[in-house]
Amino acid sequence: MGYGLLAGAIVAEILATTSMKYSEGFSKLWPSVVTGVGYVVAFALLAQALKTLQVGTAYAIWSGVGTAAVAAIGILFLGETLSLAKIAGIVLIIAGVAVLNLGGAH
């Protein structure tokens, strides 16, 4: 159950962050609303997930997967450039989350 809530928190955070790009500095109403609601939902689901998951593991997964996904969305859909440094950063994020999980953090 905890990991399901965490997955929902990640999806909400990715949606909120992507919507923030489209809000143009919170000058467009609907993307701004989606951003606000998305972050409230993300934090609410994360808080519920923390009832059963360790905070370090949950936060590492939440922030790491969210960061990697938003970077990929930027590259695939928002015209951001792909560089060796970005690829290395995403790989390191994923590796860090994996090491936390393999190290018995849960």
Protein backbone atom coordinates (compact mmCIF):
# COMPACT_ATOMS: atom_id res chain seq x y z
CA MET A 1 0.00 0.00 0.00
CA GLY A 2 2.81 2.41 0.87
CA TYR A 3 4.49 2.03 -2.50
CA GLY A 4 1.17 2.54 -4.29
CA LEU A 5 0.65 5.80 -2.43
CA LEU A 6 4.22 6.78 -3.22
CA ALA A 7 3.64 6.07 -6.92
CA GLY A 8 0.58 8.33 -6.83
CA ALA A 9 2.63 11.04 -5.11
CA ILE A 10 5.26 10.79 -7.83
CA VAL A 11 2.69 11.06 -10.63
CA ALA A 12 1.06 14.09 -8.96
CA GLU A 13 4.44 15.78 -8.49
CA ILE A 14 5.43 15.19 -12.13
CA LEU A 15 2.09 16.59 -13.30
CA ALA A 16 2.45 19.62 -11.02
CA THR A 17 6.00 20.37 -12.11
CA THR A 18 5.17 20.01 -15.79
CA SER A 19 2.12 22.25 -15.35
CA MET A 20 4.31 24.85 -13.67
CA LYS A 21 6.24 25.18 -16.94
CA TYR A 22 2.98 25.89 -18.76
CA SER A 23 1.79 28.37 -16.10
CA GLU A 24 4.36 30.88 -17.37
CA GLY A 25 5.26 32.17 -13.93
CA PHE A 26 1.73 31.59 -12.61
CA SER A 27 0.33 34.03 -15.15
CA LYS A 28 -1.99 31.42 -16.74
CA LEU A 29 -4.89 30.30 -14.56
CA TRP A 30 -5.46 26.62 -15.35
CA PRO A 31 -1.85 25.46 -15.44
CA SER A 32 -1.37 27.37 -12.17
CA VAL A 33 -4.36 25.61 -10.60
CA VAL A 34 -3.09 22.21 -11.76
CA THR A 35 0.32 23.05 -10.28
CA GLY A 36 -1.13 23.94 -6.88
CA VAL A 37 -3.53 21.01 -6.71
CA GLY A 38 -0.87 18.62 -7.97
CA TYR A 39 1.57 19.58 -5.23
CA VAL A 40 -1.10 19.36 -2.52
CA VAL A 41 -2.05 15.88 -3.73
CA ALA A 42 1.63 14.87 -4.01
CA PHE A 43 2.43 15.91 -0.45
CA ALA A 44 -0.78 14.39 0.92
CA LEU A 45 -0.02 11.04 -0.73
CA LEU A 46 3.61 11.20 0.35
CA ALA A 47 2.52 11.85 3.93
CA GLN A 48 0.25 8.80 3.82
CA ALA A 49 3.02 6.67 2.31
CA LEU A 50 5.31 7.66 5.17
CA LYS A 51 3.02 5.85 7.59
CA THR A 52 4.47 2.56 6.30
CA LEU A 53 7.70 3.51 4.51
CA GLN A 54 10.94 4.86 5.91
CA VAL A 55 11.29 8.57 5.24
CA GLY A 56 14.76 8.36 3.69
CA THR A 57 13.79 5.67 1.23
CA ALA A 58 10.42 7.20 0.35
CA TYR A 59 11.84 10.68 -0.17
CA ALA A 60 14.76 9.38 -2.24
CA ILE A 61 12.38 7.48 -4.51
CA TRP A 62 9.90 10.37 -4.70
CA SER A 63 12.44 13.03 -5.51
CA GLY A 64 14.70 10.84 -7.64
CA VAL A 65 12.02 9.35 -9.87
CA GLY A 66 10.28 12.72 -10.11
CA THR A 67 13.49 14.49 -11.10
CA ALA A 68 14.44 11.88 -13.69
CA ALA A 69 10.92 11.83 -15.16
CA VAL A 70 10.67 15.62 -15.39
CA ALA A 71 14.09 15.77 -17.05
CA ALA A 72 12.95 13.16 -19.59
CA ILE A 73 9.69 15.06 -20.22
CA GLY A 74 11.68 18.22 -20.81
CA ILE A 75 13.89 16.49 -23.34
CA LEU A 76 11.13 14.52 -25.09
CA PHE A 77 8.30 17.06 -25.15
CA LEU A 78 9.54 20.54 -24.22
CA GLY A 79 12.48 20.90 -26.56
CA GLU A 80 15.19 20.82 -23.91
CA THR A 81 18.60 19.70 -25.07
CA LEU A 82 20.07 16.33 -24.27
CA SER A 83 23.66 16.32 -23.11
CA LEU A 84 26.09 13.82 -21.67
CA ALA A 85 25.87 15.65 -18.34
CA LYS A 86 22.07 15.27 -18.24
CA ILE A 87 22.28 11.59 -19.09
CA ALA A 88 24.93 11.07 -16.41
CA GLY A 89 22.82 12.95 -13.86
CA ILE A 90 19.72 10.87 -14.55
CA VAL A 91 21.75 7.65 -14.37
CA LEU A 92 23.28 8.74 -11.06
CA ILE A 93 19.85 9.58 -9.62
CA ILE A 94 18.51 6.17 -10.58
CA ALA A 95 21.63 4.46 -9.24
CA GLY A 96 21.32 6.34 -5.94
CA VAL A 97 17.74 5.26 -5.45
CA ALA A 98 18.66 1.68 -6.31
CA VAL A 99 21.56 1.66 -3.86
CA LEU A 100 19.31 2.97 -1.08
CA ASN A 101 16.81 0.19 -1.75
CA LEU A 102 19.45 -2.54 -2.07
CA GLY A 103 21.14 -1.34 1.10
CA GLY A 104 18.20 -2.44 3.19
CA ALA A 105 16.75 1.04 3.58
CA HIS A 106 13.24 -0.39 3.59
